[in-house]
């Protein structure tokens, strides 16, 4: 199966069909004992999703491997039909592309968070209270004006959304095999930069010097007085999505990381601000120009990571309220799923499979009454790897020919 999935190009056929992949980030959940043992999807009032589920095929999708918790990068790599175990793309590259930075050969990119640490150097808030984007821009500009080079390495910084920004190191003989400095949870100090080979040891030294200089500049800030780095990486070479599947592809995402991964795979990525409503308006305006649409909705994941069950429910309900706007375009194939699960009970990404809804006249046999994890567990699509989703979408759009004689 793996070889066929990696070579669908030979089976693709021309078609006028339209496909929409709605990624409701972190959609899946697990039963929460404080909310009647329900998941967020089960607790949400979703009349439009439930009505669509009754006309669609349902299933559960494993993002990477059973029991493996995926980052957003591997989750989307699989959704686009590539093998996330073979194609490893660091978070830094995705963030850099997402904020519009042009990477050169040999550049090292890293995702950065402003954070809060106490007098003992312990991280008390990994996201610095989710400072505003404007505050992030102010701090990044201050840092960039003060730190432009360290020895023979150029330091390039650019603000993202809220507490996030990107650092790119440009110089000779730099490696990307580094330990993240982000401990991934509060109550711990940042990890020391550490390189695991000779070239990466040089990078780690530059990173350490950068952090010393940068945190000396922001140490008096009330919230953003520390910096956490992760996802050190170089840009890979890969087959682009439009060529692989024979489609004109558009990505609609507000957050830089998701625009970045789409841009890396060859999607057109116009700028869009606001929220899901603005994203759907862009979808409508570009409907005649493209065949495949990737629409990303972030707020469910943010609520799950904050451990806010009720707000994640509200975000799901907001998506449901706007679903008729997407359906009004009459897509030939519509998939609604997540890149991973983010149960609010766990306050982070998890290994649990993502619920999947596939709407198409040719998708298979509808069996569900609601779009929930329990209904998807017994759905027609069964349990399948996320990297197979694109072949299901293409087949349902009548874009795949027969394999073999």
Protein backbone atom coordinates (compact mmCIF):
# COMPACT_ATOMS: atom_id res chain seq x y z
CA UNK A 1 0.00 0.00 0.00
CA UNK A 2 2.82 2.39 0.83
CA UNK A 3 4.32 2.25 -2.67
CA UNK A 4 0.97 2.92 -4.32
CA UNK A 5 0.25 5.85 -2.00
CA UNK A 6 3.65 7.32 -2.82
CA UNK A 7 3.04 7.03 -6.57
CA UNK A 8 -0.56 8.15 -7.07
CA UNK A 9 0.63 10.49 -9.80
CA UNK A 10 0.50 7.61 -12.29
CA UNK A 11 -3.19 7.00 -11.46
CA UNK A 12 -4.51 10.56 -11.42
CA UNK A 13 -7.03 11.69 -14.03
CA UNK A 14 -8.14 15.13 -15.13
CA UNK A 15 -11.44 16.29 -13.72
CA UNK A 16 -13.41 19.45 -13.00
CA UNK A 17 -14.31 18.22 -9.53
CA UNK A 18 -13.71 20.44 -6.49
CA UNK A 19 -12.27 19.12 -3.21
CA UNK A 20 -12.21 20.83 0.19
CA UNK A 21 -10.16 19.64 3.14
CA UNK A 22 -11.30 21.37 6.34
CA UNK A 23 -8.76 20.85 9.11
CA UNK A 24 -10.35 21.69 12.44
CA UNK A 25 -7.08 21.72 14.36
CA UNK A 26 -6.97 19.40 17.37
CA UNK A 27 -10.58 18.36 16.74
CA UNK A 28 -10.58 15.01 18.50
CA UNK A 29 -11.02 14.57 22.24
CA UNK A 30 -11.49 11.96 24.95
CA UNK A 31 -14.25 11.70 27.57
CA UNK A 32 -13.92 14.34 30.27
CA UNK A 33 -15.13 13.29 33.74
CA UNK A 34 -16.12 16.86 34.64
CA UNK A 35 -18.46 17.11 31.66
CA UNK A 36 -20.56 13.97 31.90
CA UNK A 37 -17.93 11.72 30.36
CA UNK A 38 -18.38 13.37 26.97
CA UNK A 39 -15.83 14.53 24.44
CA UNK A 40 -15.98 18.09 23.17
CA UNK A 41 -17.61 16.93 19.93
CA UNK A 42 -20.25 15.01 21.88
CA UNK A 43 -20.99 17.99 24.14
CA UNK A 44 -21.24 20.47 21.26
CA UNK A 45 -24.54 21.36 19.58
CA UNK A 46 -23.72 20.65 15.93
CA UNK A 47 -26.92 20.35 13.89
CA UNK A 48 -25.17 21.04 10.58
CA UNK A 49 -22.31 18.60 11.14
CA UNK A 50 -24.75 15.94 12.34
CA UNK A 51 -27.01 16.39 9.31
CA UNK A 52 -23.99 16.14 7.04
CA UNK A 53 -22.73 13.05 8.90
CA UNK A 54 -25.97 11.27 8.03
CA UNK A 55 -25.10 11.72 4.32
CA UNK A 56 -21.38 11.03 4.65
CA UNK A 57 -18.93 8.26 5.45
CA UNK A 58 -17.18 8.36 8.83
CA UNK A 59 -14.00 6.89 10.25
CA UNK A 60 -11.05 7.36 12.56
CA UNK A 61 -7.64 8.37 11.25
CA UNK A 62 -4.24 7.68 12.83
CA UNK A 63 -1.96 10.68 12.11
CA UNK A 64 1.43 8.94 12.31
CA UNK A 65 1.48 5.64 14.20
CA UNK A 66 -0.59 4.04 16.95
CA UNK A 67 0.31 5.57 20.29
CA UNK A 68 2.51 8.28 18.75
CA UNK A 69 1.61 11.90 19.53
CA UNK A 70 2.21 14.03 16.41
CA UNK A 71 3.26 17.62 16.09
CA UNK A 72 1.39 19.84 13.69
CA UNK A 73 4.01 19.32 11.00
CA UNK A 74 3.79 15.52 10.79
CA UNK A 75 0.02 15.76 11.13
CA UNK A 76 -0.29 17.91 8.02
CA UNK A 77 2.36 16.02 6.07
CA UNK A 78 0.18 12.93 6.46
CA UNK A 79 -3.02 14.80 5.57
CA UNK A 80 -1.41 15.87 2.30
CA UNK A 81 -0.70 12.23 1.47
CA UNK A 82 3.01 12.06 2.28
CA UNK A 83 4.62 9.67 4.75
CA UNK A 84 5.44 11.61 7.95
CA UNK A 85 7.87 8.90 9.04
CA UNK A 86 9.93 9.35 5.87
CA UNK A 87 9.54 13.08 5.28
CA UNK A 88 10.62 14.89 8.42
CA UNK A 89 10.23 18.69 8.27
CA UNK A 90 11.22 20.73 11.27
CA UNK A 91 8.86 23.19 12.88
CA UNK A 92 11.32 26.02 12.36
CA UNK A 93 11.23 25.72 8.57
CA UNK A 94 7.44 25.69 8.56
CA UNK A 95 7.22 28.74 10.80
CA UNK A 96 9.79 30.63 8.75
CA UNK A 97 7.98 30.00 5.50
CA UNK A 98 4.69 30.83 7.17
CA UNK A 99 5.80 34.34 8.12
CA UNK A 100 7.16 34.91 4.62
CA UNK A 101 10.88 34.45 5.26
CA UNK A 102 12.93 33.23 2.30
CA UNK A 103 15.28 30.44 3.32
CA UNK A 104 18.65 29.96 1.66
CA UNK A 105 20.60 26.72 1.42
CA UNK A 106 22.19 25.98 4.79
CA UNK A 107 19.94 28.28 6.82
CA UNK A 108 18.83 27.00 10.23
CA UNK A 109 15.31 28.02 11.27
CA UNK A 110 13.75 27.68 14.70
CA UNK A 111 10.30 28.34 16.13
CA UNK A 112 10.51 30.75 19.09
CA UNK A 113 8.10 31.50 21.91
CA UNK A 114 8.23 34.43 24.26
CA UNK A 115 7.69 32.98 27.73
CA UNK A 116 7.57 33.99 31.39
CA UNK A 117 10.14 32.80 33.91
CA UNK A 118 10.46 33.55 37.62
CA UNK A 119 13.48 34.74 39.61
CA UNK A 120 14.72 31.15 39.92
CA UNK A 121 14.70 30.71 36.12
CA UNK A 122 11.68 28.40 36.11
CA UNK A 123 9.20 28.77 33.26
CA UNK A 124 5.80 29.73 34.66
CA UNK A 125 4.07 30.37 31.32
CA UNK A 126 5.35 28.96 28.03
CA UNK A 127 3.25 31.44 26.04
CA UNK A 128 3.86 34.63 28.05
CA UNK A 129 0.14 35.00 28.65
CA UNK A 130 -0.42 34.87 24.88
CA UNK A 131 0.80 38.45 24.48
CA UNK A 132 -0.69 40.39 21.58
CA UNK A 133 0.80 40.20 18.11
CA UNK A 134 1.56 43.92 18.37
CA UNK A 135 3.56 43.39 21.56
CA UNK A 136 5.43 40.52 19.93
CA UNK A 137 6.29 42.73 16.95
CA UNK A 138 7.64 45.42 19.28
CA UNK A 139 9.85 42.98 21.14
CA UNK A 140 11.14 41.28 18.01
CA UNK A 141 12.02 44.62 16.44
CA UNK A 142 13.90 45.56 19.61
CA UNK A 143 15.83 42.29 19.54
CA UNK A 144 16.61 42.49 15.83
CA UNK A 145 17.97 46.02 16.13
CA UNK A 146 20.27 44.91 18.94
CA UNK A 147 21.36 41.49 17.67
CA UNK A 148 22.19 41.26 13.96
CA UNK A 149 25.22 38.98 13.96
CA UNK A 150 26.99 36.67 16.38
CA UNK A 151 30.54 36.01 15.20
CA UNK A 152 30.20 34.94 11.53
CA UNK A 153 26.49 34.09 11.72
CA UNK A 154 23.69 36.45 10.68
CA UNK A 155 20.65 36.52 12.99
CA UNK A 156 17.28 37.05 11.29
CA UNK A 157 14.12 37.47 13.36
CA UNK A 158 10.49 37.92 12.37
CA UNK A 159 7.34 38.13 14.48
CA UNK A 160 4.45 35.72 14.06
CA UNK A 161 1.09 35.60 15.84
CA UNK A 162 0.74 36.38 19.54
CA UNK A 163 3.78 35.05 21.48
CA UNK A 164 5.42 33.34 18.51
CA UNK A 165 8.32 34.46 16.35
CA UNK A 166 10.95 32.89 14.11
CA UNK A 167 14.73 32.90 14.28
CA UNK A 168 16.89 32.07 11.25
CA UNK A 169 20.65 31.58 11.51
CA UNK A 170 22.53 32.24 8.27
CA UNK A 171 26.19 31.27 8.03
CA UNK A 172 28.65 28.56 7.08
CA UNK A 173 28.97 25.12 8.62
CA UNK A 174 25.78 25.10 10.70
CA UNK A 175 23.97 21.89 11.66
CA UNK A 176 20.35 21.42 12.69
CA UNK A 177 20.69 18.40 14.99
CA UNK A 178 19.98 20.31 18.20
CA UNK A 179 18.08 19.75 21.41
CA UNK A 180 15.14 22.12 21.80
CA UNK A 181 15.42 24.61 24.65
CA UNK A 182 11.64 24.47 25.18
CA UNK A 183 10.84 22.00 28.01
CA UNK A 184 7.25 21.75 26.63
CA UNK A 185 5.66 22.37 30.03
CA UNK A 186 5.70 24.83 32.88
CA UNK A 187 7.56 24.26 36.14
CA UNK A 188 10.93 23.50 34.52
CA UNK A 189 13.86 25.68 33.45
CA UNK A 190 14.65 25.98 29.74
CA UNK A 191 16.98 23.31 28.42
CA UNK A 192 20.50 24.29 27.47
CA UNK A 193 21.22 24.44 23.71
CA UNK A 194 23.01 21.22 22.84
CA UNK A 195 24.32 20.02 19.48
CA UNK A 196 24.57 16.32 18.68
CA UNK A 197 27.26 16.53 15.99
CA UNK A 198 30.16 18.82 15.17
CA UNK A 199 28.26 21.28 12.94
CA UNK A 200 25.33 21.36 15.34
CA UNK A 201 27.67 22.11 18.25
CA UNK A 202 28.57 25.35 16.46
CA UNK A 203 24.87 26.14 16.05
CA UNK A 204 24.25 25.42 19.74
CA UNK A 205 27.04 27.83 20.70
CA UNK A 206 25.50 30.60 18.54
CA UNK A 207 22.05 29.89 19.99
CA UNK A 208 23.38 30.08 23.54
CA UNK A 209 25.02 33.44 22.82
CA UNK A 210 21.81 34.70 21.22
CA UNK A 211 19.71 33.71 24.23
CA UNK A 212 22.13 35.36 26.63
CA UNK A 213 22.00 38.62 24.68
CA UNK A 214 18.26 38.50 24.01
CA UNK A 215 17.16 37.70 27.54
CA UNK A 216 19.40 40.45 28.84
CA UNK A 217 17.40 42.85 26.69
CA UNK A 218 13.93 41.63 27.73
CA UNK A 219 14.60 40.68 31.35
CA UNK A 220 12.54 43.61 32.67
CA UNK A 221 9.45 42.73 30.61
CA UNK A 222 6.51 41.80 32.89
CA UNK A 223 5.49 38.71 30.88
CA UNK A 224 7.79 38.12 27.91
CA UNK A 225 11.08 37.88 29.80
CA UNK A 226 12.30 34.56 28.37
CA UNK A 227 12.64 32.83 24.99
CA UNK A 228 12.05 29.15 24.19
CA UNK A 229 13.30 27.62 20.94
CA UNK A 230 12.33 24.42 19.19
CA UNK A 231 12.20 22.76 15.79
CA UNK A 232 15.72 23.60 14.57
CA UNK A 233 15.72 22.57 10.93
CA UNK A 234 16.80 23.04 7.32
CA UNK A 235 14.46 23.12 4.33
CA UNK A 236 14.03 19.73 2.55
CA UNK A 237 13.53 18.95 -1.14
CA UNK A 238 10.18 17.33 -1.95
CA UNK A 239 7.64 16.70 -4.71
CA UNK A 240 5.08 19.50 -4.75
CA UNK A 241 1.42 18.78 -4.03
CA UNK A 242 -0.02 20.22 -7.31
CA UNK A 243 2.31 18.11 -9.46
CA UNK A 244 1.82 14.99 -7.35
CA UNK A 245 -1.98 15.06 -7.66
CA UNK A 246 -2.61 17.12 -10.78
CA UNK A 247 -4.58 19.87 -9.05
CA UNK A 248 -4.53 23.63 -8.61
CA UNK A 249 -4.17 23.95 -4.84
CA UNK A 250 -5.04 26.82 -2.51
CA UNK A 251 -4.32 26.99 1.23
CA UNK A 252 -6.41 29.24 3.47
CA UNK A 253 -4.85 29.65 6.91
CA UNK A 254 -4.41 32.52 9.30
CA UNK A 255 -1.55 31.19 11.42
CA UNK A 256 1.93 31.31 9.84
CA UNK A 257 2.92 27.72 10.62
CA UNK A 258 0.09 26.30 8.50
CA UNK A 259 0.68 28.73 5.66
CA UNK A 260 4.32 27.72 5.87
CA UNK A 261 3.74 24.01 5.45
CA UNK A 262 1.29 24.64 2.61
CA UNK A 263 3.77 26.93 0.86
CA UNK A 264 6.49 24.31 1.22
CA UNK A 265 4.23 21.80 -0.56
CA UNK A 266 3.46 24.21 -3.40
CA UNK A 267 0.05 25.57 -2.42
CA UNK A 268 -0.82 29.17 -3.21
CA UNK A 269 -1.13 30.91 0.17
CA UNK A 270 -2.83 34.32 0.03
CA UNK A 271 -2.88 36.43 3.17
CA UNK A 272 -6.05 36.37 5.25
CA UNK A 273 -6.75 38.03 8.60
CA UNK A 274 -9.64 37.80 11.03
CA UNK A 275 -11.21 34.44 11.78
CA UNK A 276 -12.95 31.48 10.16
CA UNK A 277 -15.62 33.70 8.62
CA UNK A 278 -12.95 35.64 6.73
CA UNK A 279 -11.33 32.39 5.62
CA UNK A 280 -14.62 31.16 4.17
CA UNK A 281 -15.13 34.45 2.33
CA UNK A 282 -11.72 33.94 0.71
CA UNK A 283 -12.71 30.37 -0.16
CA UNK A 284 -15.80 31.67 -1.94
CA UNK A 285 -13.89 34.36 -3.82
CA UNK A 286 -11.34 31.83 -5.15
CA UNK A 287 -13.72 28.97 -5.87
CA UNK A 288 -13.43 29.11 -9.66
CA UNK A 289 -9.64 29.37 -9.69
CA UNK A 290 -8.63 26.15 -7.91
CA UNK A 291 -9.46 22.42 -7.66
CA UNK A 292 -8.24 21.64 -4.14
CA UNK A 293 -8.77 23.81 -1.08
CA UNK A 294 -7.07 23.36 2.29
CA UNK A 295 -8.96 25.36 4.95
CA UNK A 296 -7.40 25.52 8.40
CA UNK A 297 -9.26 26.48 11.62
CA UNK A 298 -6.98 26.95 14.63
CA UNK A 299 -9.16 27.93 17.60
CA UNK A 300 -10.20 24.40 18.64
CA UNK A 301 -6.55 23.46 19.17
CA UNK A 302 -5.82 26.58 21.21
CA UNK A 303 -8.74 25.86 23.54
CA UNK A 304 -7.68 22.23 23.95
CA UNK A 305 -4.10 23.23 24.79
CA UNK A 306 -5.44 25.66 27.39
CA UNK A 307 -7.46 22.83 28.95
CA UNK A 308 -10.65 24.79 28.30
CA UNK A 309 -13.33 22.18 27.51
CA UNK A 310 -16.17 24.70 27.28
CA UNK A 311 -14.31 27.03 24.92
CA UNK A 312 -13.35 24.14 22.65
CA UNK A 313 -17.03 23.20 22.54
CA UNK A 314 -17.86 26.80 21.59
CA UNK A 315 -15.25 26.73 18.83
CA UNK A 316 -16.72 23.53 17.39
CA UNK A 317 -20.17 25.09 17.50
CA UNK A 318 -18.85 28.18 15.70
CA UNK A 319 -17.44 25.99 12.93
CA UNK A 320 -20.78 24.21 12.72
CA UNK A 321 -22.64 27.51 12.37
CA UNK A 322 -20.54 28.44 9.31
CA UNK A 323 -20.57 25.00 7.67
CA UNK A 324 -23.60 25.90 5.48
CA UNK A 325 -21.45 28.62 3.88
CA UNK A 326 -19.00 25.96 2.72
CA UNK A 327 -21.76 23.60 1.62
CA UNK A 328 -23.35 26.38 -0.46
CA UNK A 329 -20.41 26.00 -2.87
CA UNK A 330 -21.47 22.37 -3.56
CA UNK A 331 -18.01 20.76 -3.33
CA UNK A 332 -17.75 17.36 -4.98
CA UNK A 333 -15.73 16.13 -2.00
CA UNK A 334 -15.66 17.66 1.46
CA UNK A 335 -13.56 16.25 4.30
CA UNK A 336 -13.74 17.52 7.87
CA UNK A 337 -11.10 16.23 10.26
CA UNK A 338 -8.16 17.27 12.44
CA UNK A 339 -4.41 17.06 12.03
CA UNK A 340 -4.30 15.44 15.49
CA UNK A 341 -6.41 15.30 18.64
CA UNK A 342 -6.04 17.88 21.41
CA UNK A 343 -8.18 16.71 24.34
CA UNK A 344 -8.72 19.51 26.84
CA UNK A 345 -8.34 16.87 29.56
CA UNK A 346 -4.69 16.45 28.52
CA UNK A 347 -4.05 20.13 27.68
CA UNK A 348 -2.04 19.21 24.60
CA UNK A 349 -1.70 17.09 21.48
CA UNK A 350 -2.36 13.40 21.95
CA UNK A 351 -1.99 10.06 20.18
CA UNK A 352 -5.74 9.50 19.86
CA UNK A 353 -7.10 9.12 16.30
CA UNK A 354 -8.85 12.01 14.59
CA UNK A 355 -12.53 11.75 13.65
CA UNK A 356 -13.09 11.96 9.89
CA UNK A 357 -16.16 12.92 7.86
CA UNK A 358 -16.01 12.41 4.07
CA UNK A 359 -18.92 13.82 2.07
CA UNK A 360 -19.21 12.74 -1.57
CA UNK A 361 -21.82 11.00 -3.73
CA UNK A 362 -19.21 8.27 -4.25
CA UNK A 363 -17.69 8.13 -0.76
CA UNK A 364 -19.37 4.95 0.47
CA UNK A 365 -22.17 3.98 2.85
CA UNK A 366 -23.36 6.48 5.49
CA UNK A 367 -23.80 4.83 8.88
CA UNK A 368 -23.70 7.62 11.47
CA UNK A 369 -26.24 9.93 13.04
CA UNK A 370 -23.78 12.42 14.58
CA UNK A 371 -20.22 13.52 13.89
CA UNK A 372 -18.53 12.29 17.07
CA UNK A 373 -15.62 10.04 17.96
CA UNK A 374 -17.95 7.17 18.97
CA UNK A 375 -19.91 7.35 15.71
CA UNK A 376 -16.70 7.55 13.70
CA UNK A 377 -15.30 4.50 15.53
CA UNK A 378 -17.96 2.32 13.87
CA UNK A 379 -18.07 4.20 10.56
CA UNK A 380 -17.75 2.84 7.03
CA UNK A 381 -14.20 4.12 6.57
CA UNK A 382 -12.96 2.22 9.62
CA UNK A 383 -9.55 3.04 11.09
CA UNK A 384 -6.94 4.11 8.54
CA UNK A 385 -3.61 5.98 8.36
CA UNK A 386 -3.85 9.69 7.68
CA UNK A 387 -1.52 9.39 4.70
CA UNK A 388 -4.32 7.45 2.92
CA UNK A 389 -6.78 10.35 3.17
CA UNK A 390 -5.69 11.96 -0.10
CA UNK A 391 -6.24 8.76 -2.06
CA UNK A 392 -9.76 8.53 -0.58
CA UNK A 393 -10.45 12.13 -1.54
CA UNK A 394 -9.11 11.72 -5.07
CA UNK A 395 -11.03 8.49 -5.60
CA UNK A 396 -14.24 10.08 -4.31
CA UNK A 397 -13.67 12.98 -6.71
CA UNK A 398 -13.30 10.43 -9.55
CA UNK A 399 -9.71 11.59 -10.07
CA UNK A 400 -8.00 8.19 -9.75
CA UNK A 401 -7.82 5.52 -12.41
CA UNK A 402 -7.54 1.76 -11.99
CA UNK A 403 -4.37 0.16 -10.66
CA UNK A 404 -3.14 -2.75 -12.75
CA UNK A 405 -4.73 -4.68 -15.60
